[in-house]
PDB file of N, CA and C in Angstrom:
ATOM      1  N   MET A   1     114.936 116.585 112.091  1.00  0.00           N
ATOM      2  CA  MET A   1     114.172 115.766 112.991  1.00  0.00           C
ATOM      3  C   MET A   1     114.632 114.313 112.827  1.00  0.00           C
ATOM      4  N   LYS A   2     114.939 113.669 113.939  1.00  0.00           N
ATOM      5  CA  LYS A   2     115.451 112.305 113.907  1.00  0.00           C
ATOM      6  C   LYS A   2     114.324 111.311 113.640  1.00  0.00           C
ATOM      7  N   THR A   3     114.544 110.437 112.675  1.00  0.00           N
ATOM      8  CA  THR A   3     113.609 109.336 112.466  1.00  0.00           C
ATOM      9  C   THR A   3     114.128 108.118 113.212  1.00  0.00           C
ATOM     10  N   TYR A   4     113.194 107.333 113.728  1.00  0.00           N
ATOM     11  CA  TYR A   4     113.563 106.139 114.478  1.00  0.00           C
ATOM     12  C   TYR A   4     113.748 104.947 113.540  1.00  0.00           C
ATOM     13  N   SER A   5     114.699 104.094 113.888  1.00  0.00           N
ATOM     14  CA  SER A   5     114.874 102.841 113.151  1.00  0.00           C
ATOM     15  C   SER A   5     113.716 101.910 113.501  1.00  0.00           C
ATOM     16  N   GLU A   6     113.560 100.854 112.740  1.00  0.00           N
ATOM     17  CA  GLU A   6     112.497  99.893 113.021  1.00  0.00           C
ATOM     18  C   GLU A   6     112.658  99.298 114.420  1.00  0.00           C
ATOM     19  N   ALA A   7     113.876  99.005 114.813  1.00  0.00           N
ATOM     20  CA  ALA A   7     114.130  98.452 116.150  1.00  0.00           C
ATOM     21  C   ALA A   7     113.749  99.461 117.234  1.00  0.00           C
ATOM     22  N   GLU A   8     114.079 100.736 117.019  1.00  0.00           N
ATOM     23  CA  GLU A   8     113.718 101.773 117.994  1.00  0.00           C
ATOM     24  C   GLU A   8     112.200 101.928 118.084  1.00  0.00           C
ATOM     25  N   VAL A   9     111.521 101.881 116.944  1.00  0.00           N
ATOM     26  CA  VAL A   9     110.065 101.996 116.933  1.00  0.00           C
ATOM     27  C   VAL A   9     109.458 100.845 117.723  1.00  0.00           C
ATOM     28  N   LYS A  10     109.908  99.632 117.447  1.00  0.00           N
ATOM     29  CA  LYS A  10     109.343  98.466 118.136  1.00  0.00           C
ATOM     30  C   LYS A  10     109.602  98.525 119.639  1.00  0.00           C
ATOM     31  N   ALA A  11     110.750  99.019 120.042  1.00  0.00           N
ATOM     32  CA  ALA A  11     111.048  99.150 121.471  1.00  0.00           C
ATOM     33  C   ALA A  11     110.118 100.174 122.116  1.00  0.00           C
ATOM     34  N   LYS A  12     109.888 101.301 121.438  1.00  0.00           N
ATOM     35  CA  LYS A  12     109.005 102.327 121.993  1.00  0.00           C
ATOM     36  C   LYS A  12     107.544 101.874 122.005  1.00  0.00           C
ATOM     37  N   LEU A  13     107.176 101.011 121.074  1.00  0.00           N
ATOM     38  CA  LEU A  13     105.804 100.515 121.025  1.00  0.00           C
ATOM     39  C   LEU A  13     105.455  99.646 122.226  1.00  0.00           C
ATOM     40  N   GLU A  14     106.448  99.100 122.880  1.00  0.00           N
ATOM     41  CA  GLU A  14     106.190  98.263 124.054  1.00  0.00           C
ATOM     42  C   GLU A  14     105.518  99.049 125.175  1.00  0.00           C
ATOM     43  N   LYS A  15     105.631 100.374 125.129  1.00  0.00           N
ATOM     44  CA  LYS A  15     105.019 101.229 126.152  1.00  0.00           C
ATOM     45  C   LYS A  15     103.599 101.647 125.794  1.00  0.00           C
ATOM     46  N   LEU A  16     103.139 101.269 124.605  1.00  0.00           N
ATOM     47  CA  LEU A  16     101.802 101.632 124.153  1.00  0.00           C
ATOM     48  C   LEU A  16     100.921 100.390 124.081  1.00  0.00           C
ATOM     49  N   ASP A  17      99.645 100.554 124.392  1.00  0.00           N
ATOM     50  CA  ASP A  17      98.721  99.418 124.417  1.00  0.00           C
ATOM     51  C   ASP A  17      98.059  99.124 123.075  1.00  0.00           C
ATOM     52  N   TYR A  18      97.789 100.148 122.276  1.00  0.00           N
ATOM     53  CA  TYR A  18      96.900  99.982 121.130  1.00  0.00           C
ATOM     54  C   TYR A  18      97.576 100.079 119.758  1.00  0.00           C
ATOM     55  N   TRP A  19      98.888 100.180 119.713  1.00  0.00           N
ATOM     56  CA  TRP A  19      99.559 100.511 118.468  1.00  0.00           C
ATOM     57  C   TRP A  19     100.457  99.389 117.963  1.00  0.00           C
ATOM     58  N   ASP A  20     100.573  99.302 116.619  1.00  0.00           N
ATOM     59  CA  ASP A  20     101.487  98.395 115.937  1.00  0.00           C
ATOM     60  C   ASP A  20     102.290  99.197 114.925  1.00  0.00           C
ATOM     61  N   PHE A  21     103.317  98.567 114.382  1.00  0.00           N
ATOM     62  CA  PHE A  21     104.134  99.177 113.328  1.00  0.00           C
ATOM     63  C   PHE A  21     103.885  98.391 112.052  1.00  0.00           C
ATOM     64  N   GLU A  22     103.270  99.052 111.061  1.00  0.00           N
ATOM     65  CA  GLU A  22     102.920  98.395 109.803  1.00  0.00           C
ATOM     66  C   GLU A  22     103.247  99.311 108.627  1.00  0.00           C
ATOM     67  N   ASP A  23     104.014  98.800 107.684  1.00  0.00           N
ATOM     68  CA  ASP A  23     104.305  99.528 106.443  1.00  0.00           C
ATOM     69  C   ASP A  23     104.825 100.941 106.679  1.00  0.00           C
ATOM     70  N   GLY A  24     105.633 101.115 107.720  1.00  0.00           N
ATOM     71  CA  GLY A  24     106.224 102.419 107.997  1.00  0.00           C
ATOM     72  C   GLY A  24     105.352 103.372 108.790  1.00  0.00           C
ATOM     73  N   TYR A  25     104.240 102.890 109.321  1.00  0.00           N
ATOM     74  CA  TYR A  25     103.308 103.711 110.095  1.00  0.00           C
ATOM     75  C   TYR A  25     103.090 103.121 111.477  1.00  0.00           C
ATOM     76  N   LEU A  26     102.801 103.979 112.448  1.00  0.00           N
ATOM     77  CA  LEU A  26     102.195 103.530 113.689  1.00  0.00           C
ATOM     78  C   LEU A  26     100.707 103.401 113.376  1.00  0.00           C
ATOM     79  N   VAL A  27     100.109 102.262 113.703  1.00  0.00           N
ATOM     80  CA  VAL A  27      98.734 101.980 113.295  1.00  0.00           C
ATOM     81  C   VAL A  27      97.935 101.447 114.477  1.00  0.00           C
ATOM     82  N   THR A  28      96.708 101.920 114.578  1.00  0.00           N
ATOM     83  CA  THR A  28      95.755 101.354 115.528  1.00  0.00           C
ATOM     84  C   THR A  28      94.388 101.278 114.863  1.00  0.00           C
ATOM     85  N   SER A  29      93.594 100.314 115.283  1.00  0.00           N
ATOM     86  CA  SER A  29      92.227 100.174 114.809  1.00  0.00           C
ATOM     87  C   SER A  29      91.351  99.970 116.042  1.00  0.00           C
ATOM     88  N   LEU A  30      90.385 100.836 116.211  1.00  0.00           N
ATOM     89  CA  LEU A  30      89.579 100.871 117.431  1.00  0.00           C
ATOM     90  C   LEU A  30      88.104 100.723 117.098  1.00  0.00           C
ATOM     91  N   ASP A  31      87.405  99.935 117.895  1.00  0.00           N
ATOM     92  CA  ASP A  31      85.961  99.775 117.737  1.00  0.00           C
ATOM     93  C   ASP A  31      85.239 100.475 118.884  1.00  0.00           C
ATOM     94  N   PHE A  32      84.158 101.153 118.536  1.00  0.00           N
ATOM     95  CA  PHE A  32      83.339 101.868 119.503  1.00  0.00           C
ATOM     96  C   PHE A  32      81.920 101.326 119.468  1.00  0.00           C
ATOM     97  N   LYS A  33      81.087 101.797 120.366  1.00  0.00           N
ATOM     98  CA  LYS A  33      79.718 101.309 120.477  1.00  0.00           C
ATOM     99  C   LYS A  33      78.945 101.520 119.174  1.00  0.00           C
ATOM    100  N   ASP A  34      79.126 102.691 118.577  1.00  0.00           N
ATOM    101  CA  ASP A  34      78.386 103.015 117.359  1.00  0.00           C
ATOM    102  C   ASP A  34      79.108 104.156 116.626  1.00  0.00           C
ATOM    103  N   PHE A  35      78.511 104.600 115.529  1.00  0.00           N
ATOM    104  CA  PHE A  35      79.109 105.664 114.730  1.00  0.00           C
ATOM    105  C   PHE A  35      79.282 106.955 115.527  1.00  0.00           C
ATOM    106  N   ALA A  36      78.286 107.304 116.315  1.00  0.00           N
ATOM    107  CA  ALA A  36      78.355 108.550 117.086  1.00  0.00           C
ATOM    108  C   ALA A  36      79.540 108.536 118.046  1.00  0.00           C
ATOM    109  N   ASP A  37      79.773 107.420 118.716  1.00  0.00           N
ATOM    110  CA  ASP A  37      80.916 107.324 119.628  1.00  0.00           C
ATOM    111  C   ASP A  37      82.240 107.403 118.874  1.00  0.00           C
ATOM    112  N   ALA A  38      82.308 106.752 117.720  1.00  0.00           N
ATOM    113  CA  ALA A  38      83.533 106.802 116.913  1.00  0.00           C
ATOM    114  C   ALA A  38      83.796 108.238 116.447  1.00  0.00           C
ATOM    115  N   PHE A  39      82.744 108.913 115.992  1.00  0.00           N
ATOM    116  CA  PHE A  39      82.905 110.277 115.512  1.00  0.00           C
ATOM    117  C   PHE A  39      83.262 111.230 116.641  1.00  0.00           C
ATOM    118  N   ALA A  40      82.693 111.014 117.815  1.00  0.00           N
ATOM    119  CA  ALA A  40      83.030 111.852 118.977  1.00  0.00           C
ATOM    120  C   ALA A  40      84.512 111.696 119.315  1.00  0.00           C
ATOM    121  N   MET A  41      85.024 110.469 119.243  1.00  0.00           N
ATOM    122  CA  MET A  41      86.440 110.240 119.521  1.00  0.00           C
ATOM    123  C   MET A  41      87.308 110.917 118.464  1.00  0.00           C
ATOM    124  N   MET A  42      86.893 110.846 117.212  1.00  0.00           N
ATOM    125  CA  MET A  42      87.641 111.530 116.153  1.00  0.00           C
ATOM    126  C   MET A  42      87.710 113.029 116.430  1.00  0.00           C
ATOM    127  N   THR A  43      86.621 113.593 116.902  1.00  0.00           N
ATOM    128  CA  THR A  43      86.591 115.024 117.198  1.00  0.00           C
ATOM    129  C   THR A  43      87.571 115.370 118.311  1.00  0.00           C
ATOM    130  N   ARG A  44      87.577 114.575 119.368  1.00  0.00           N
ATOM    131  CA  ARG A  44      88.509 114.822 120.476  1.00  0.00           C
ATOM    132  C   ARG A  44      89.953 114.699 120.000  1.00  0.00           C
ATOM    133  N   ILE A  45      90.238 113.684 119.199  1.00  0.00           N
ATOM    134  CA  ILE A  45      91.594 113.488 118.682  1.00  0.00           C
ATOM    135  C   ILE A  45      91.967 114.631 117.741  1.00  0.00           C
ATOM    136  N   ALA A  46      91.017 115.100 116.951  1.00  0.00           N
ATOM    137  CA  ALA A  46      91.289 116.188 116.003  1.00  0.00           C
ATOM    138  C   ALA A  46      91.762 117.449 116.715  1.00  0.00           C
ATOM    139  N   PHE A  47      91.144 117.776 117.846  1.00  0.00           N
ATOM    140  CA  PHE A  47      91.575 118.958 118.593  1.00  0.00           C
ATOM    141  C   PHE A  47      93.011 118.799 119.099  1.00  0.00           C
ATOM    142  N   GLU A  48      93.353 117.604 119.570  1.00  0.00           N
ATOM    143  CA  GLU A  48      94.717 117.359 120.041  1.00  0.00           C
ATOM    144  C   GLU A  48      95.704 117.384 118.882  1.00  0.00           C
ATOM    145  N   ALA A  49      95.348 116.781 117.761  1.00  0.00           N
ATOM    146  CA  ALA A  49      96.230 116.787 116.589  1.00  0.00           C
ATOM    147  C   ALA A  49      96.499 118.221 116.134  1.00  0.00           C
ATOM    148  N   GLU A  50      95.470 119.034 116.149  1.00  0.00           N
ATOM    149  CA  GLU A  50      95.634 120.436 115.762  1.00  0.00           C
ATOM    150  C   GLU A  50      96.545 121.163 116.751  1.00  0.00           C
ATOM    151  N   ALA A  51      96.362 120.900 118.034  1.00  0.00           N
ATOM    152  CA  ALA A  51      97.207 121.537 119.053  1.00  0.00           C
ATOM    153  C   ALA A  51      98.673 121.148 118.869  1.00  0.00           C
ATOM    154  N   GLN A  52      98.915 119.907 118.469  1.00  0.00           N
ATOM    155  CA  GLN A  52     100.283 119.441 118.257  1.00  0.00           C
ATOM    156  C   GLN A  52     100.798 119.748 116.844  1.00  0.00           C
ATOM    157  N   GLN A  53      99.920 120.227 115.976  1.00  0.00           N
ATOM    158  CA  GLN A  53     100.269 120.461 114.575  1.00  0.00           C
ATOM    159  C   GLN A  53     100.859 119.199 113.940  1.00  0.00           C
ATOM    160  N   HIS A  54     100.201 118.078 114.236  1.00  0.00           N
ATOM    161  CA  HIS A  54     100.602 116.779 113.691  1.00  0.00           C
ATOM    162  C   HIS A  54      99.326 115.999 113.426  1.00  0.00           C
ATOM    163  N   HIS A  55      99.024 115.757 112.165  1.00  0.00           N
ATOM    164  CA  HIS A  55      97.706 115.272 111.791  1.00  0.00           C
ATOM    165  C   HIS A  55      97.762 113.822 111.302  1.00  0.00           C
ATOM    166  N   PRO A  56      96.858 112.992 111.817  1.00  0.00           N
ATOM    167  CA  PRO A  56      96.858 111.580 111.445  1.00  0.00           C
ATOM    168  C   PRO A  56      96.228 111.341 110.081  1.00  0.00           C
ATOM    169  N   GLU A  57      96.567 110.199 109.519  1.00  0.00           N
ATOM    170  CA  GLU A  57      95.785 109.649 108.416  1.00  0.00           C
ATOM    171  C   GLU A  57      94.793 108.731 109.106  1.00  0.00           C
ATOM    172  N   TRP A  58      93.528 108.863 108.774  1.00  0.00           N
ATOM    173  CA  TRP A  58      92.554 108.003 109.438  1.00  0.00           C
ATOM    174  C   TRP A  58      91.367 107.717 108.553  1.00  0.00           C
ATOM    175  N   SER A  59      90.653 106.650 108.938  1.00  0.00           N
ATOM    176  CA  SER A  59      89.419 106.314 108.244  1.00  0.00           C
ATOM    177  C   SER A  59      88.412 105.832 109.285  1.00  0.00           C
ATOM    178  N   ASN A  60      87.155 106.051 108.968  1.00  0.00           N
ATOM    179  CA  ASN A  60      86.075 105.668 109.861  1.00  0.00           C
ATOM    180  C   ASN A  60      85.012 104.946 109.049  1.00  0.00           C
ATOM    181  N   VAL A  61      84.668 103.746 109.488  1.00  0.00           N
ATOM    182  CA  VAL A  61      83.557 103.002 108.909  1.00  0.00           C
ATOM    183  C   VAL A  61      82.672 102.578 110.076  1.00  0.00           C
ATOM    184  N   TYR A  62      81.491 103.128 110.119  1.00  0.00           N
ATOM    185  CA  TYR A  62      80.509 102.925 111.178  1.00  0.00           C
ATOM    186  C   TYR A  62      81.150 103.104 112.552  1.00  0.00           C
ATOM    187  N   ASN A  63      81.424 102.010 113.285  1.00  0.00           N
ATOM    188  CA  ASN A  63      81.942 102.140 114.648  1.00  0.00           C
ATOM    189  C   ASN A  63      83.452 101.930 114.734  1.00  0.00           C
ATOM    190  N   ASN A  64      84.119 101.769 113.598  1.00  0.00           N
ATOM    191  CA  ASN A  64      85.557 101.510 113.597  1.00  0.00           C
ATOM    192  C   ASN A  64      86.327 102.751 113.169  1.00  0.00           C
ATOM    193  N   LEU A  65      87.398 103.016 113.878  1.00  0.00           N
ATOM    194  CA  LEU A  65      88.308 104.110 113.557  1.00  0.00           C
ATOM    195  C   LEU A  65      89.709 103.537 113.409  1.00  0.00           C
ATOM    196  N   THR A  66      90.309 103.721 112.257  1.00  0.00           N
ATOM    197  CA  THR A  66      91.684 103.296 112.011  1.00  0.00           C
ATOM    198  C   THR A  66      92.541 104.542 111.872  1.00  0.00           C
ATOM    199  N   ILE A  67      93.656 104.562 112.610  1.00  0.00           N
ATOM    200  CA  ILE A  67      94.544 105.727 112.627  1.00  0.00           C
ATOM    201  C   ILE A  67      95.939 105.275 112.224  1.00  0.00           C
ATOM    202  N   ARG A  68      96.574 106.058 111.334  1.00  0.00           N
ATOM    203  CA  ARG A  68      97.955 105.798 110.918  1.00  0.00           C
ATOM    204  C   ARG A  68      98.764 107.068 111.135  1.00  0.00           C
ATOM    205  N   LEU A  69      99.907 106.912 111.791  1.00  0.00           N
ATOM    206  CA  LEU A  69     100.774 108.051 112.077  1.00  0.00           C
ATOM    207  C   LEU A  69     102.141 107.863 111.444  1.00  0.00           C
ATOM    208  N   THR A  70     102.641 108.915 110.836  1.00  0.00           N
ATOM    209  CA  THR A  70     104.010 109.020 110.358  1.00  0.00           C
ATOM    210  C   THR A  70     104.313 110.502 110.230  1.00  0.00           C
ATOM    211  N   THR A  71     105.584 110.843 110.222  1.00  0.00           N
ATOM    212  CA  THR A  71     105.973 112.239 110.024  1.00  0.00           C
ATOM    213  C   THR A  71     106.412 112.378 108.576  1.00  0.00           C
ATOM    214  N   HIS A  72     105.533 112.888 107.746  1.00  0.00           N
ATOM    215  CA  HIS A  72     105.801 112.957 106.304  1.00  0.00           C
ATOM    216  C   HIS A  72     107.042 113.780 105.991  1.00  0.00           C
ATOM    217  N   ASP A  73     107.232 114.903 106.687  1.00  0.00           N
ATOM    218  CA  ASP A  73     108.398 115.753 106.430  1.00  0.00           C
ATOM    219  C   ASP A  73     109.708 115.008 106.655  1.00  0.00           C
ATOM    220  N   ALA A  74     109.721 114.111 107.625  1.00  0.00           N
ATOM    221  CA  ALA A  74     110.935 113.367 107.970  1.00  0.00           C
ATOM    222  C   ALA A  74     111.003 112.020 107.257  1.00  0.00           C
ATOM    223  N   GLU A  75     109.924 111.670 106.580  1.00  0.00           N
ATOM    224  CA  GLU A  75     109.833 110.399 105.859  1.00  0.00           C
ATOM    225  C   GLU A  75     110.057 109.199 106.778  1.00  0.00           C
ATOM    226  N   GLY A  76     109.402 109.235 107.932  1.00  0.00           N
ATOM    227  CA  GLY A  76     109.510 108.115 108.867  1.00  0.00           C
ATOM    228  C   GLY A  76     108.828 108.429 110.182  1.00  0.00           C
ATOM    229  N   ILE A  77     109.065 107.560 111.150  1.00  0.00           N
ATOM    230  CA  ILE A  77     108.493 107.716 112.479  1.00  0.00           C
ATOM    231  C   ILE A  77     109.430 108.559 113.325  1.00  0.00           C
ATOM    232  N   THR A  78     108.852 109.584 113.966  1.00  0.00           N
ATOM    233  CA  THR A  78     109.636 110.480 114.818  1.00  0.00           C
ATOM    234  C   THR A  78     108.959 110.585 116.186  1.00  0.00           C
ATOM    235  N   GLU A  79     109.557 111.367 117.049  1.00  0.00           N
ATOM    236  CA  GLU A  79     108.977 111.585 118.371  1.00  0.00           C
ATOM    237  C   GLU A  79     107.591 112.210 118.269  1.00  0.00           C
ATOM    238  N   LYS A  80     107.346 113.004 117.226  1.00  0.00           N
ATOM    239  CA  LYS A  80     106.018 113.600 117.036  1.00  0.00           C
ATOM    240  C   LYS A  80     104.938 112.524 116.975  1.00  0.00           C
ATOM    241  N   ASP A  81     105.243 111.413 116.300  1.00  0.00           N
ATOM    242  CA  ASP A  81     104.260 110.334 116.170  1.00  0.00           C
ATOM    243  C   ASP A  81     103.978 109.690 117.515  1.00  0.00           C
ATOM    244  N   PHE A  82     105.028 109.476 118.294  1.00  0.00           N
ATOM    245  CA  PHE A  82     104.832 108.867 119.610  1.00  0.00           C
ATOM    246  C   PHE A  82     104.141 109.818 120.576  1.00  0.00           C
ATOM    247  N   MET A  83     104.402 111.109 120.461  1.00  0.00           N
ATOM    248  CA  MET A  83     103.709 112.071 121.315  1.00  0.00           C
ATOM    249  C   MET A  83     102.202 112.036 121.042  1.00  0.00           C
ATOM    250  N   LEU A  84     101.826 112.015 119.755  1.00  0.00           N
ATOM    251  CA  LEU A  84     100.408 111.982 119.422  1.00  0.00           C
ATOM    252  C   LEU A  84      99.797 110.626 119.779  1.00  0.00           C
ATOM    253  N   ALA A  85     100.502 109.547 119.527  1.00  0.00           N
ATOM    254  CA  ALA A  85      99.989 108.217 119.891  1.00  0.00           C
ATOM    255  C   ALA A  85      99.732 108.120 121.387  1.00  0.00           C
ATOM    256  N   ASN A  86     100.652 108.628 122.187  1.00  0.00           N
ATOM    257  CA  ASN A  86     100.465 108.616 123.639  1.00  0.00           C
ATOM    258  C   ASN A  86      99.243 109.434 124.043  1.00  0.00           C
ATOM    259  N   LYS A  87      99.079 110.586 123.451  1.00  0.00           N
ATOM    260  CA  LYS A  87      97.928 111.436 123.772  1.00  0.00           C
ATOM    261  C   LYS A  87      96.632 110.775 123.332  1.00  0.00           C
ATOM    262  N   ILE A  88      96.626 110.121 122.175  1.00  0.00           N
ATOM    263  CA  ILE A  88      95.437 109.416 121.728  1.00  0.00           C
ATOM    264  C   ILE A  88      95.080 108.311 122.719  1.00  0.00           C
ATOM    265  N   GLU A  89      96.065 107.595 123.214  1.00  0.00           N
ATOM    266  CA  GLU A  89      95.789 106.564 124.216  1.00  0.00           C
ATOM    267  C   GLU A  89      95.183 107.179 125.481  1.00  0.00           C
ATOM    268  N   GLU A  90      95.696 108.318 125.918  1.00  0.00           N
ATOM    269  CA  GLU A  90      95.121 108.998 127.086  1.00  0.00           C
ATOM    270  C   GLU A  90      93.653 109.335 126.831  1.00  0.00           C
ATOM    271  N   ILE A  91      93.358 109.843 125.653  1.00  0.00           N
ATOM    272  CA  ILE A  91      91.978 110.221 125.305  1.00  0.00           C
ATOM    273  C   ILE A  91      91.096 108.981 125.300  1.00  0.00           C
ATOM    274  N   ILE A  92      91.559 107.903 124.697  1.00  0.00           N
ATOM    275  CA  ILE A  92      90.776 106.677 124.613  1.00  0.00           C
ATOM    276  C   ILE A  92      90.481 106.114 125.994  1.00  0.00           C
ATOM    277  N   LYS A  93      91.485 106.133 126.844  1.00  0.00           N
ATOM    278  CA  LYS A  93      91.326 105.548 128.186  1.00  0.00           C
ATOM    279  C   LYS A  93      90.496 106.435 129.101  1.00  0.00           C
ATOM    280  N   GLY A  94      90.329 107.687 128.676  1.00  0.00           N
ATOM    281  CA  GLY A  94      89.493 108.611 129.428  1.00  0.00           C
ATOM    282  C   GLY A  94      90.114 109.002 130.708  1.00  0.00           C
TER     283      GLY A  94
END
């Protein structure tokens, strides 16, 4: 599986609204109305992650959800990360 260079990652990130490249991860931090809304979004994302067999690292504190994506097997960012990031953006935008 091909890993993207930092320059390739940054170029591909220009097509995404909510993501940055930090410490080797695609990262987003999202705020929701309350804990229930944040947890509902996590549930929707979890089903998609399972369907893609690509699982995020994430944390939730009250209404905030932070998501970090990398392909551990490839030791870097791959197309799998961008596929899931794009799908997460679709889910967020409704």
